[in-house]
Every structure is written in C-alpha cells, then in structure tokens.
C-alpha atoms as a PDB file:
ATOM      1  CA  UNK A   1       4.460 -17.222   5.242  1.00  0.00           C
ATOM      2  CA  UNK A   2       6.128 -19.025   2.465  1.00  0.00           C
ATOM      3  CA  UNK A   3       5.710 -17.476  -1.060  1.00  0.00           C
ATOM      4  CA  UNK A   4       3.925 -20.420  -2.558  1.00  0.00           C
ATOM      5  CA  UNK A   5       1.009 -19.767   0.172  1.00  0.00           C
ATOM      6  CA  UNK A   6       0.240 -16.338  -1.067  1.00  0.00           C
ATOM      7  CA  UNK A   7      -2.792 -16.611  -2.974  1.00  0.00           C
ATOM      8  CA  UNK A   8      -2.581 -14.955  -6.316  1.00  0.00           C
ATOM      9  CA  UNK A   9      -5.249 -12.818  -7.586  1.00  0.00           C
ATOM     10  CA  UNK A  10      -5.618 -11.644 -11.057  1.00  0.00           C
ATOM     11  CA  UNK A  11      -6.499  -8.128 -11.684  1.00  0.00           C
ATOM     12  CA  UNK A  12      -7.349  -4.891 -10.075  1.00  0.00           C
ATOM     13  CA  UNK A  13      -6.432  -1.696  -8.510  1.00  0.00           C
ATOM     14  CA  UNK A  14      -5.946   1.648  -8.034  1.00  0.00           C
ATOM     15  CA  UNK A  15      -6.370   5.354  -8.403  1.00  0.00           C
ATOM     16  CA  UNK A  16      -4.701   8.720  -8.733  1.00  0.00           C
ATOM     17  CA  UNK A  17      -5.809  11.829  -6.956  1.00  0.00           C
ATOM     18  CA  UNK A  18      -3.498  14.808  -6.551  1.00  0.00           C
ATOM     19  CA  UNK A  19      -2.766  16.111  -2.869  1.00  0.00           C
ATOM     20  CA  UNK A  20      -4.576  19.198  -1.845  1.00  0.00           C
ATOM     21  CA  UNK A  21      -5.245  21.159   1.150  1.00  0.00           C
ATOM     22  CA  UNK A  22      -8.884  20.364   1.196  1.00  0.00           C
ATOM     23  CA  UNK A  23     -10.425  19.709   4.655  1.00  0.00           C
ATOM     24  CA  UNK A  24     -11.075  16.069   4.565  1.00  0.00           C
ATOM     25  CA  UNK A  25     -10.673  12.750   6.569  1.00  0.00           C
ATOM     26  CA  UNK A  26      -9.550   9.306   6.267  1.00  0.00           C
ATOM     27  CA  UNK A  27     -12.514   6.825   6.413  1.00  0.00           C
ATOM     28  CA  UNK A  28     -11.295   4.282   8.875  1.00  0.00           C
ATOM     29  CA  UNK A  29     -13.752   1.521   7.763  1.00  0.00           C
ATOM     30  CA  UNK A  30     -14.755   0.130  11.263  1.00  0.00           C
ATOM     31  CA  UNK A  31     -18.225  -0.975  12.230  1.00  0.00           C
ATOM     32  CA  UNK A  32     -21.178   0.929  13.604  1.00  0.00           C
ATOM     33  CA  UNK A  33     -20.439   2.829  16.745  1.00  0.00           C
ATOM     34  CA  UNK A  34     -16.875   4.026  15.647  1.00  0.00           C
ATOM     35  CA  UNK A  35     -15.942   7.415  14.404  1.00  0.00           C
ATOM     36  CA  UNK A  36     -15.751   8.819  12.022  1.00  0.00           C
ATOM     37  CA  UNK A  37     -19.138   7.886  10.583  1.00  0.00           C
ATOM     38  CA  UNK A  38     -19.452   4.388   9.253  1.00  0.00           C
ATOM     39  CA  UNK A  39     -18.171   4.104   5.729  1.00  0.00           C
ATOM     40  CA  UNK A  40     -15.952   1.782   3.555  1.00  0.00           C
ATOM     41  CA  UNK A  41     -12.188   2.223   4.512  1.00  0.00           C
ATOM     42  CA  UNK A  42      -9.714   4.241   2.457  1.00  0.00           C
ATOM     43  CA  UNK A  43      -6.179   3.605   1.918  1.00  0.00           C
ATOM     44  CA  UNK A  44      -3.517   6.093   3.298  1.00  0.00           C
ATOM     45  CA  UNK A  45       0.004   6.713   3.023  1.00  0.00           C
ATOM     46  CA  UNK A  46       2.433   7.136   6.017  1.00  0.00           C
ATOM     47  CA  UNK A  47       6.215   8.321   5.605  1.00  0.00           C
ATOM     48  CA  UNK A  48       8.771   8.465   8.442  1.00  0.00           C
ATOM     49  CA  UNK A  49      11.860  10.401   8.611  1.00  0.00           C
ATOM     50  CA  UNK A  50      13.403   8.705  11.592  1.00  0.00           C
ATOM     51  CA  UNK A  51      16.503  10.747  11.840  1.00  0.00           C
ATOM     52  CA  UNK A  52      14.872  14.108  11.350  1.00  0.00           C
ATOM     53  CA  UNK A  53      12.112  13.145  13.805  1.00  0.00           C
ATOM     54  CA  UNK A  54       9.197  13.953  11.563  1.00  0.00           C
ATOM     55  CA  UNK A  55       6.470  11.999   9.783  1.00  0.00           C
ATOM     56  CA  UNK A  56       3.910  12.687   7.050  1.00  0.00           C
ATOM     57  CA  UNK A  57       0.602  11.112   6.088  1.00  0.00           C
ATOM     58  CA  UNK A  58      -1.884  11.260   3.235  1.00  0.00           C
ATOM     59  CA  UNK A  59      -5.472  10.109   2.606  1.00  0.00           C
ATOM     60  CA  UNK A  60      -5.158   8.412  -0.890  1.00  0.00           C
ATOM     61  CA  UNK A  61      -8.801   9.125  -1.484  1.00  0.00           C
ATOM     62  CA  UNK A  62      -9.776   5.583  -2.492  1.00  0.00           C
ATOM     63  CA  UNK A  63     -11.532   2.967  -0.517  1.00  0.00           C
ATOM     64  CA  UNK A  64     -10.062  -0.497  -0.090  1.00  0.00           C
ATOM     65  CA  UNK A  65     -13.586  -1.824  -1.066  1.00  0.00           C
ATOM     66  CA  UNK A  66     -13.400  -0.230  -4.568  1.00  0.00           C
ATOM     67  CA  UNK A  67     -10.050  -1.835  -4.919  1.00  0.00           C
ATOM     68  CA  UNK A  68     -11.455  -5.185  -4.074  1.00  0.00           C
ATOM     69  CA  UNK A  69     -14.536  -4.729  -6.194  1.00  0.00           C
ATOM     70  CA  UNK A  70     -12.249  -4.096  -9.239  1.00  0.00           C
ATOM     71  CA  UNK A  71     -10.139  -7.213  -8.300  1.00  0.00           C
ATOM     72  CA  UNK A  72     -13.209  -9.417  -7.992  1.00  0.00           C
ATOM     73  CA  UNK A  73     -14.553  -8.256 -11.427  1.00  0.00           C
ATOM     74  CA  UNK A  74     -11.397  -9.381 -13.005  1.00  0.00           C
ATOM     75  CA  UNK A  75     -10.720  -6.123 -14.634  1.00  0.00           C
ATOM     76  CA  UNK A  76      -7.161  -5.307 -15.838  1.00  0.00           C
ATOM     77  CA  UNK A  77      -4.780  -3.572 -13.468  1.00  0.00           C
ATOM     78  CA  UNK A  78      -4.497   0.066 -14.214  1.00  0.00           C
ATOM     79  CA  UNK A  79      -1.320   2.139 -13.507  1.00  0.00           C
ATOM     80  CA  UNK A  80      -1.913   5.084 -11.028  1.00  0.00           C
ATOM     81  CA  UNK A  81       0.048   7.777  -9.649  1.00  0.00           C
ATOM     82  CA  UNK A  82      -0.248  10.445  -6.919  1.00  0.00           C
ATOM     83  CA  UNK A  83       1.273  13.758  -6.797  1.00  0.00           C
ATOM     84  CA  UNK A  84       1.855  14.280  -3.177  1.00  0.00           C
ATOM     85  CA  UNK A  85       1.777  17.979  -3.413  1.00  0.00           C
ATOM     86  CA  UNK A  86       3.541  20.925  -1.563  1.00  0.00           C
ATOM     87  CA  UNK A  87       3.219  19.223   1.955  1.00  0.00           C
ATOM     88  CA  UNK A  88       5.281  16.410   0.922  1.00  0.00           C
ATOM     89  CA  UNK A  89       7.771  18.614  -0.653  1.00  0.00           C
ATOM     90  CA  UNK A  90       8.191  20.606   2.405  1.00  0.00           C
ATOM     91  CA  UNK A  91       8.398  17.349   4.475  1.00  0.00           C
ATOM     92  CA  UNK A  92      11.372  15.684   2.104  1.00  0.00           C
ATOM     93  CA  UNK A  93      13.212  19.000   1.746  1.00  0.00           C
ATOM     94  CA  UNK A  94      13.543  19.648   5.516  1.00  0.00           C
ATOM     95  CA  UNK A  95      16.348  17.001   5.920  1.00  0.00           C
ATOM     96  CA  UNK A  96      17.446  16.259   2.424  1.00  0.00           C
ATOM     97  CA  UNK A  97      19.431  12.812   2.295  1.00  0.00           C
ATOM     98  CA  UNK A  98      17.727  11.213   5.185  1.00  0.00           C
ATOM     99  CA  UNK A  99      16.114   7.756   4.862  1.00  0.00           C
ATOM    100  CA  UNK A 100      12.440   7.920   4.465  1.00  0.00           C
ATOM    101  CA  UNK A 101      10.379   4.856   5.496  1.00  0.00           C
ATOM    102  CA  UNK A 102       6.856   4.271   3.955  1.00  0.00           C
ATOM    103  CA  UNK A 103       3.720   2.149   4.400  1.00  0.00           C
ATOM    104  CA  UNK A 104       0.281   1.958   3.111  1.00  0.00           C
ATOM    105  CA  UNK A 105      -2.869   0.750   5.237  1.00  0.00           C
ATOM    106  CA  UNK A 106      -6.561   0.348   5.162  1.00  0.00           C
ATOM    107  CA  UNK A 107      -9.250  -1.359   7.105  1.00  0.00           C
ATOM    108  CA  UNK A 108     -12.490  -2.406   5.918  1.00  0.00           C
ATOM    109  CA  UNK A 109     -14.769  -4.283   8.603  1.00  0.00           C
ATOM    110  CA  UNK A 110     -17.616  -1.581   8.632  1.00  0.00           C
ATOM    111  CA  UNK A 111     -20.215  -4.239   7.365  1.00  0.00           C
ATOM    112  CA  UNK A 112     -19.406  -6.885   9.805  1.00  0.00           C
ATOM    113  CA  UNK A 113     -18.621 -10.500   9.281  1.00  0.00           C
ATOM    114  CA  UNK A 114     -22.052 -10.958   7.747  1.00  0.00           C
ATOM    115  CA  UNK A 115     -20.986  -9.007   4.572  1.00  0.00           C
ATOM    116  CA  UNK A 116     -18.641 -11.726   3.557  1.00  0.00           C
ATOM    117  CA  UNK A 117     -21.451 -13.753   1.905  1.00  0.00           C
ATOM    118  CA  UNK A 118     -19.930 -13.335  -1.379  1.00  0.00           C
ATOM    119  CA  UNK A 119     -17.543 -16.240  -0.899  1.00  0.00           C
ATOM    120  CA  UNK A 120     -15.042 -17.390  -1.689  1.00  0.00           C
ATOM    121  CA  UNK A 121     -13.159 -14.227  -1.174  1.00  0.00           C
ATOM    122  CA  UNK A 122     -14.829 -12.643   1.558  1.00  0.00           C
ATOM    123  CA  UNK A 123     -14.157  -9.263   0.071  1.00  0.00           C
ATOM    124  CA  UNK A 124     -15.732  -6.879   2.480  1.00  0.00           C
ATOM    125  CA  UNK A 125     -14.098  -8.051   5.701  1.00  0.00           C
ATOM    126  CA  UNK A 126     -10.676  -7.707   6.141  1.00  0.00           C
ATOM    127  CA  UNK A 127      -7.491  -5.243   6.190  1.00  0.00           C
ATOM    128  CA  UNK A 128      -4.906  -4.346   3.852  1.00  0.00           C
ATOM    129  CA  UNK A 129      -1.307  -3.358   4.346  1.00  0.00           C
ATOM    130  CA  UNK A 130       2.129  -3.026   2.561  1.00  0.00           C
ATOM    131  CA  UNK A 131       4.829  -5.607   2.331  1.00  0.00           C
ATOM    132  CA  UNK A 132       8.302  -5.433   0.775  1.00  0.00           C
ATOM    133  CA  UNK A 133       7.721  -7.032  -2.835  1.00  0.00           C
ATOM    134  CA  UNK A 134       8.880 -10.475  -3.189  1.00  0.00           C
ATOM    135  CA  UNK A 135       9.331 -10.980   0.670  1.00  0.00           C
ATOM    136  CA  UNK A 136       6.908 -13.263   2.521  1.00  0.00           C
ATOM    137  CA  UNK A 137       4.682 -11.846   5.130  1.00  0.00           C
ATOM    138  CA  UNK A 138       5.043 -13.157   8.398  1.00  0.00           C
ATOM    139  CA  UNK A 139       1.976 -13.913  10.623  1.00  0.00           C
ATOM    140  CA  UNK A 140      -0.825 -12.900   8.193  1.00  0.00           C
ATOM    141  CA  UNK A 141      -1.793 -16.329   6.844  1.00  0.00           C
ATOM    142  CA  UNK A 142      -3.603 -19.205   8.648  1.00  0.00           C
ATOM    143  CA  UNK A 143      -4.229 -17.123  11.892  1.00  0.00           C
ATOM    144  CA  UNK A 144      -7.177 -17.118  14.086  1.00  0.00           C
ATOM    145  CA  UNK A 145      -9.889 -14.925  12.149  1.00  0.00           C
ATOM    146  CA  UNK A 146     -10.321 -13.043  15.726  1.00  0.00           C
ATOM    147  CA  UNK A 147      -6.940 -10.955  14.604  1.00  0.00           C
ATOM    148  CA  UNK A 148      -9.010  -9.420  11.762  1.00  0.00           C
ATOM    149  CA  UNK A 149     -10.911  -7.081  13.966  1.00  0.00           C
ATOM    150  CA  UNK A 150      -7.944  -6.634  16.231  1.00  0.00           C
ATOM    151  CA  UNK A 151      -5.819  -5.456  13.340  1.00  0.00           C
ATOM    152  CA  UNK A 152      -8.715  -3.478  11.857  1.00  0.00           C
ATOM    153  CA  UNK A 153      -9.283  -1.585  15.169  1.00  0.00           C
ATOM    154  CA  UNK A 154      -5.472  -0.742  15.211  1.00  0.00           C
ATOM    155  CA  UNK A 155      -5.595   0.439  11.565  1.00  0.00           C
ATOM    156  CA  UNK A 156      -8.860   2.420  12.147  1.00  0.00           C
ATOM    157  CA  UNK A 157      -7.334   4.119  15.300  1.00  0.00           C
ATOM    158  CA  UNK A 158      -4.317   5.091  13.197  1.00  0.00           C
ATOM    159  CA  UNK A 159      -6.606   6.683  10.684  1.00  0.00           C
ATOM    160  CA  UNK A 160      -8.552   8.504  13.264  1.00  0.00           C
ATOM    161  CA  UNK A 161      -5.334   9.844  14.805  1.00  0.00           C
ATOM    162  CA  UNK A 162      -4.063  11.046  11.551  1.00  0.00           C
ATOM    163  CA  UNK A 163      -7.461  12.726  10.840  1.00  0.00           C
ATOM    164  CA  UNK A 164      -7.188  14.823  14.006  1.00  0.00           C
ATOM    165  CA  UNK A 165      -3.500  16.046  13.216  1.00  0.00           C
ATOM    166  CA  UNK A 166      -4.370  16.547   9.301  1.00  0.00           C
ATOM    167  CA  UNK A 167      -7.326  18.474   9.798  1.00  0.00           C
ATOM    168  CA  UNK A 168      -5.735  20.947  12.330  1.00  0.00           C
ATOM    169  CA  UNK A 169      -2.644  21.102   9.981  1.00  0.00           C
ATOM    170  CA  UNK A 170      -4.757  22.308   7.120  1.00  0.00           C
ATOM    171  CA  UNK A 171      -6.739  24.940   9.305  1.00  0.00           C
ATOM    172  CA  UNK A 172      -9.804  22.901  10.143  1.00  0.00           C
ATOM    173  CA  UNK A 173     -11.620  21.599  13.062  1.00  0.00           C
ATOM    174  CA  UNK A 174     -11.842  17.941  13.453  1.00  0.00           C
ATOM    175  CA  UNK A 175     -15.110  16.510  14.222  1.00  0.00           C
ATOM    176  CA  UNK A 176     -14.874  12.788  15.163  1.00  0.00           C
ATOM    177  CA  UNK A 177     -18.720  12.250  14.618  1.00  0.00           C
ATOM    178  CA  UNK A 178     -18.686  13.222  10.895  1.00  0.00           C
ATOM    179  CA  UNK A 179     -14.872  12.955   9.913  1.00  0.00           C
ATOM    180  CA  UNK A 180     -15.152  15.263   7.030  1.00  0.00           C
ATOM    181  CA  UNK A 181     -15.190  14.784   3.226  1.00  0.00           C
ATOM    182  CA  UNK A 182     -13.907  11.430   2.462  1.00  0.00           C
ATOM    183  CA  UNK A 183     -13.601  12.224  -1.406  1.00  0.00           C
ATOM    184  CA  UNK A 184     -10.833  14.503  -0.899  1.00  0.00           C
ATOM    185  CA  UNK A 185      -7.196  13.704   0.155  1.00  0.00           C
ATOM    186  CA  UNK A 186      -5.769  15.499   3.132  1.00  0.00           C
ATOM    187  CA  UNK A 187      -1.967  15.406   4.073  1.00  0.00           C
ATOM    188  CA  UNK A 188      -0.130  16.395   7.209  1.00  0.00           C
ATOM    189  CA  UNK A 189       3.234  16.684   8.753  1.00  0.00           C
ATOM    190  CA  UNK A 190       4.037  15.734  12.229  1.00  0.00           C
ATOM    191  CA  UNK A 191       7.255  16.968  14.252  1.00  0.00           C
ATOM    192  CA  UNK A 192       5.781  16.078  17.742  1.00  0.00           C
ATOM    193  CA  UNK A 193       7.293  12.891  18.317  1.00  0.00           C
ATOM    194  CA  UNK A 194       5.275  12.343  21.537  1.00  0.00           C
ATOM    195  CA  UNK A 195       1.883  12.688  19.657  1.00  0.00           C
ATOM    196  CA  UNK A 196      -0.351   9.531  19.134  1.00  0.00           C
ATOM    197  CA  UNK A 197      -0.385  10.315  15.381  1.00  0.00           C
ATOM    198  CA  UNK A 198       3.585  10.541  15.171  1.00  0.00           C
ATOM    199  CA  UNK A 199       4.478   7.490  12.722  1.00  0.00           C
ATOM    200  CA  UNK A 200       6.506   5.456  15.250  1.00  0.00           C
ATOM    201  CA  UNK A 201       3.719   5.656  17.892  1.00  0.00           C
ATOM    202  CA  UNK A 202       1.276   4.551  15.182  1.00  0.00           C
ATOM    203  CA  UNK A 203       3.099   1.707  13.753  1.00  0.00           C
ATOM    204  CA  UNK A 204       6.254   0.996  15.637  1.00  0.00           C
ATOM    205  CA  UNK A 205       9.822   0.946  14.210  1.00  0.00           C
ATOM    206  CA  UNK A 206      10.821  -0.963  11.119  1.00  0.00           C
ATOM    207  CA  UNK A 207      11.473  -4.557  12.153  1.00  0.00           C
ATOM    208  CA  UNK A 208       9.114  -4.089  15.333  1.00  0.00           C
ATOM    209  CA  UNK A 209       5.749  -3.093  13.916  1.00  0.00           C
ATOM    210  CA  UNK A 210       2.509  -3.002  15.641  1.00  0.00           C
ATOM    211  CA  UNK A 211       1.057  -4.904  12.968  1.00  0.00           C
ATOM    212  CA  UNK A 212       3.256  -8.295  12.598  1.00  0.00           C
ATOM    213  CA  UNK A 213       2.662  -8.851   8.945  1.00  0.00           C
ATOM    214  CA  UNK A 214       3.204  -5.276   7.862  1.00  0.00           C
ATOM    215  CA  UNK A 215       6.565  -4.300   6.540  1.00  0.00           C
ATOM    216  CA  UNK A 216       7.935  -0.655   5.610  1.00  0.00           C
ATOM    217  CA  UNK A 217       9.778   0.208   2.554  1.00  0.00           C
ATOM    218  CA  UNK A 218      12.738   2.703   2.110  1.00  0.00           C
ATOM    219  CA  UNK A 219      11.561   5.529  -0.290  1.00  0.00           C
ATOM    220  CA  UNK A 220      13.424   5.626  -3.583  1.00  0.00           C
ATOM    221  CA  UNK A 221      14.678   2.244  -3.024  1.00  0.00           C
ATOM    222  CA  UNK A 222      11.996  -0.433  -1.917  1.00  0.00           C
ATOM    223  CA  UNK A 223       8.834  -1.483  -3.912  1.00  0.00           C
ATOM    224  CA  UNK A 224       5.953  -2.339  -1.789  1.00  0.00           C
ATOM    225  CA  UNK A 225       3.137  -5.019  -2.563  1.00  0.00           C
ATOM    226  CA  UNK A 226      -0.486  -4.439  -1.284  1.00  0.00           C
ATOM    227  CA  UNK A 227      -1.864  -7.370   0.477  1.00  0.00           C
ATOM    228  CA  UNK A 228      -5.352  -8.011   1.813  1.00  0.00           C
ATOM    229  CA  UNK A 229      -5.837 -10.350   4.890  1.00  0.00           C
ATOM    230  CA  UNK A 230      -9.324 -11.625   5.009  1.00  0.00           C
ATOM    231  CA  UNK A 231     -11.301 -14.915   6.161  1.00  0.00           C
ATOM    232  CA  UNK A 232     -10.235 -18.097   4.547  1.00  0.00           C
ATOM    233  CA  UNK A 233     -13.019 -19.150   2.184  1.00  0.00           C
ATOM    234  CA  UNK A 234     -12.678 -22.856   3.294  1.00  0.00           C
ATOM    235  CA  UNK A 235     -12.413 -22.303   7.152  1.00  0.00           C
ATOM    236  CA  UNK A 236     -13.630 -18.903   8.427  1.00  0.00           C
ATOM    237  CA  UNK A 237     -12.028 -19.344  11.784  1.00  0.00           C
ATOM    238  CA  UNK A 238      -8.755 -18.697   9.920  1.00  0.00           C
ATOM    239  CA  UNK A 239      -7.184 -15.865   7.895  1.00  0.00           C
ATOM    240  CA  UNK A 240      -5.858 -16.000   4.438  1.00  0.00           C
ATOM    241  CA  UNK A 241      -3.423 -13.386   2.666  1.00  0.00           C
ATOM    242  CA  UNK A 242      -3.674 -12.446  -0.874  1.00  0.00           C
ATOM    243  CA  UNK A 243      -1.327 -10.367  -2.880  1.00  0.00           C
ATOM    244  CA  UNK A 244      -3.475  -7.947  -4.938  1.00  0.00           C
ATOM    245  CA  UNK A 245      -0.703  -7.168  -7.523  1.00  0.00           C
ATOM    246  CA  UNK A 246       1.279 -10.482  -7.567  1.00  0.00           C
ATOM    247  CA  UNK A 247      -0.023 -11.869 -10.846  1.00  0.00           C
ATOM    248  CA  UNK A 248       0.898  -8.778 -12.719  1.00  0.00           C
ATOM    249  CA  UNK A 249       3.815  -7.779 -10.545  1.00  0.00           C
ATOM    250  CA  UNK A 250       2.047  -4.430  -9.505  1.00  0.00           C
ATOM    251  CA  UNK A 251       3.936  -2.487  -6.900  1.00  0.00           C
ATOM    252  CA  UNK A 252       3.954   0.893  -4.926  1.00  0.00           C
ATOM    253  CA  UNK A 253       7.010   2.986  -5.344  1.00  0.00           C
ATOM    254  CA  UNK A 254       7.614   6.278  -3.504  1.00  0.00           C
ATOM    255  CA  UNK A 255       9.827   8.710  -5.324  1.00  0.00           C
ATOM    256  CA  UNK A 256      10.966  11.283  -2.571  1.00  0.00           C
ATOM    257  CA  UNK A 257      12.604  13.705  -5.015  1.00  0.00           C
ATOM    258  CA  UNK A 258       9.558  13.799  -7.675  1.00  0.00           C
ATOM    259  CA  UNK A 259       7.126  13.683  -4.575  1.00  0.00           C
ATOM    260  CA  UNK A 260       5.119  11.122  -6.338  1.00  0.00           C
ATOM    261  CA  UNK A 261       3.666   7.856  -5.203  1.00  0.00           C
ATOM    262  CA  UNK A 262       3.086   5.186  -8.092  1.00  0.00           C
ATOM    263  CA  UNK A 263       1.270   1.926  -8.369  1.00  0.00           C
ATOM    264  CA  UNK A 264       2.104   0.144 -11.636  1.00  0.00           C
ATOM    265  CA  UNK A 265       3.821  -3.107 -12.921  1.00  0.00           C
ATOM    266  CA  UNK A 266       7.602  -3.687 -12.978  1.00  0.00           C
ATOM    267  CA  UNK A 267       8.524  -4.219 -16.597  1.00  0.00           C
ATOM    268  CA  UNK A 268      11.496  -6.509 -17.686  1.00  0.00           C
ATOM    269  CA  UNK A 269      14.544  -4.811 -18.485  1.00  0.00           C
ATOM    270  CA  UNK A 270      14.721  -4.683 -22.507  1.00  0.00           C
ATOM    271  CA  UNK A 271      17.653  -5.773 -24.174  1.00  0.00           C
ATOM    272  CA  UNK A 272      19.206  -2.813 -26.094  1.00  0.00           C
ATOM    273  CA  UNK A 273      19.352  -2.952 -29.978  1.00  0.00           C
ATOM    274  CA  UNK A 274      23.003  -2.900 -29.916  1.00  0.00           C
ATOM    275  CA  UNK A 275      23.216  -6.281 -27.869  1.00  0.00           C
ATOM    276  CA  UNK A 276      20.911  -7.957 -30.354  1.00  0.00           C
ATOM    277  CA  UNK A 277      23.088  -6.677 -33.255  1.00  0.00           C
ATOM    278  CA  UNK A 278      26.311  -8.025 -31.328  1.00  0.00           C
ATOM    279  CA  UNK A 279      24.570 -11.477 -30.684  1.00  0.00           C
ATOM    280  CA  UNK A 280      23.555 -11.646 -34.396  1.00  0.00           C
ATOM    281  CA  UNK A 281      26.951 -10.912 -35.470  1.00  0.00           C
ATOM    282  CA  UNK A 282      28.529 -13.342 -33.005  1.00  0.00           C
ATOM    283  CA  UNK A 283      26.064 -15.930 -34.415  1.00  0.00           C
ATOM    284  CA  UNK A 284      27.142 -15.222 -37.994  1.00  0.00           C
ATOM    285  CA  UNK A 285      30.841 -15.769 -36.992  1.00  0.00           C
ATOM    286  CA  UNK A 286      29.998 -19.244 -35.482  1.00  0.00           C
ATOM    287  CA  UNK A 287      28.184 -20.224 -38.894  1.00  0.00           C
ATOM    288  CA  UNK A 288      31.001 -19.171 -40.962  1.00  0.00           C
ATOM    289  CA  UNK A 289      33.537 -20.710 -38.657  1.00  0.00           C
ATOM    290  CA  UNK A 290      31.665 -24.043 -38.881  1.00  0.00           C
ATOM    291  CA  UNK A 291      31.569 -23.745 -42.550  1.00  0.00           C
ATOM    292  CA  UNK A 292      35.381 -23.109 -42.809  1.00  0.00           C
ATOM    293  CA  UNK A 293      36.055 -26.186 -40.785  1.00  0.00           C
ATOM    294  CA  UNK A 294      33.914 -28.452 -42.824  1.00  0.00           C
ATOM    295  CA  UNK A 295      35.744 -30.942 -44.800  1.00  0.00           C
ATOM    296  CA  UNK A 296      35.858 -30.668 -48.479  1.00  0.00           C
END
C-alpha cells in the first residue's frame, strides 16, 4: 500500500499501566460464542528473542475500542509509557545483546458487523496491528472485507493462547469461559518453542508473518506505528487502513535496557544554541564583507 493511501486520523491514543503479577487475561475481542467472555478487545505486546529461543508477552490493559473512541472524539494524543516489570527484565537479561523483535496487536469484532453504524470510520469492527513507522503496509488496504473476521480470529486465537501461558506462568488456573480480570495486565515468558503460544508459532518469522500487513520492529532500534484495519466507509465490501498516529507522528518504542514501552511523538531534533550563534556570526561577516566591497 502506498503511503499516500494511508488515511490520516487526527488524534487519539493510549495508556499506561505498569506490569504486575496479577492473574488476568487479554480480552480477545471476538464475537459471541468465543472464549473468554465477550468483551472489547485489548492491545497486547509480544517480544521474540529468536536466537535465545524464548518469547515474552504482556497484556497492555487497554481496549482497542477505547483507543478508537478517543480518536473519533478528536481528543489530543497523549504520551504514554508502560513499565514492563520484573518478568521482562528477566527475559531481556537471559541473553543480553540478542536481537529482540516486537509487535502489538488487538482484535475488536465482538459487536458484529452491525456495530459499524457510526460511519464513516466503522470504529467498532476491525483489527489493529503494528507496522514499521514510515513504511507502507502490504495487503491491508482495499482487500475483501471478509479478511477482517479471518484476521480477527487469528489475533483472538493469539490472545487466547497467551492467556493460557500467562495465567499458568503467574501461578493461576486459566478458565477459558471467564478469561479473568481484563483490567490488570498479565505477562509471561515462554521457552517451549513447540508451544502454540510461542511467538514464532503465533505470528511467524519476520518477513513471513501470519498476518500479511503486520511488521515486526527491533527493540531499541525500530519505531512502530499502530494501524487499524476496518471497513471502507464508501464500500463495505472492502477494507481500509488507518494509521492511528500518523498525523502527529506518534510511535511505539521498546527500550530493552530500561524495560519500557512508550507511545509518543517523535520530536524534531533541535538545533543547538551554539549552531545558531555560529550562523549568526557567519551572517554578520557576510554583511560586513558586502559593505567593505561597496564602492565609495
């Protein structure tokens, strides 16, 4: 998808909840009949240490629907930060120096296609995922709208698998019927590369993802944008992709050393005061030179 085709949205997003050991689960945002119990889908973080053969995930404790409501209301974007806590510190310290890939996802189709009556944005029926900031998404825009429930099912299954791993990791017993407390933010570490909740089994390898439009970033290096893929307001048989932070350059960044995930604007690099003084001095010399060359 060409950059010009991304639909810019002004405003909206995110949250800050610290990581904890609370027994909780990610709400997968899928329709009635799915498990855990029907509720708006939550954003969750996944990190992969490919060389160290381990992965990490965390419930970010905030629903995609709340994010979209903020955007729709036209409210200002707000910088947010998550302290990923002791579990992530353990994960990152196991193999220091290894490349860590990360991605963010959420599904929100629990209300069904009828919940999209608040056109033109069709906020309540779609999926969200990360993409490299400034890089075009491939395969997200102008697709058949039948891909939305397919992608939502994939993301929802990811959330359910991670719930099973995370509740067990934190000493609880996972109940797929209830899911747990959606308000808290559970985290887990997986070292079983054959487990269905292991990162590579959930999403595929970088460059070969199970979601064709999603892109991974490298922690400490790559910024990630958050994209929403929903129904095209002028043709509901097609999809449309929105960059939720493009208008103000809001991006995710994962700092593996500090153990933090941030969502904020990338500010332009300021010109140091010394540079301004030098430019001013050079300008003055130019003026003096022109005056000295002026004929009497």
